């Protein structure tokens, strides 16, 4: 049975300073549009995950489910001053979204709502 599409709504208090712990994998912009582009790419293609996996002490021990991607994932983000609200629509599970967000912006986000798309 295919996974159902869900919409995740989250906010980022200060997008300009929201960064992940690994500089080379982290979000490198300051606008909501740039963030949406980077997160959408991270969800649609496994490139970011593969780069992270290669940095691990034992890459073969990494759970391959974290590398899932959704070629149809859609990310929309709107910024108001420093604050950013974003919506992700995807079939990927929350754990994968959380991992990619962690790589890009660390823990600088708050999940607000989830519903079936």
Foldseek 3Di string as FASTA:
>chain_A
DAFFKKKWKKKFAAQQQFWAPDVVLAQDDRAQVSVQVSLLCVQAAQVSVVVVLVPDPDSVPDDCLLSHHFNPKGKGWDDDVRMIMMMIIGSRDPVNSVVSSNNHGNPRMDTDDMDGD
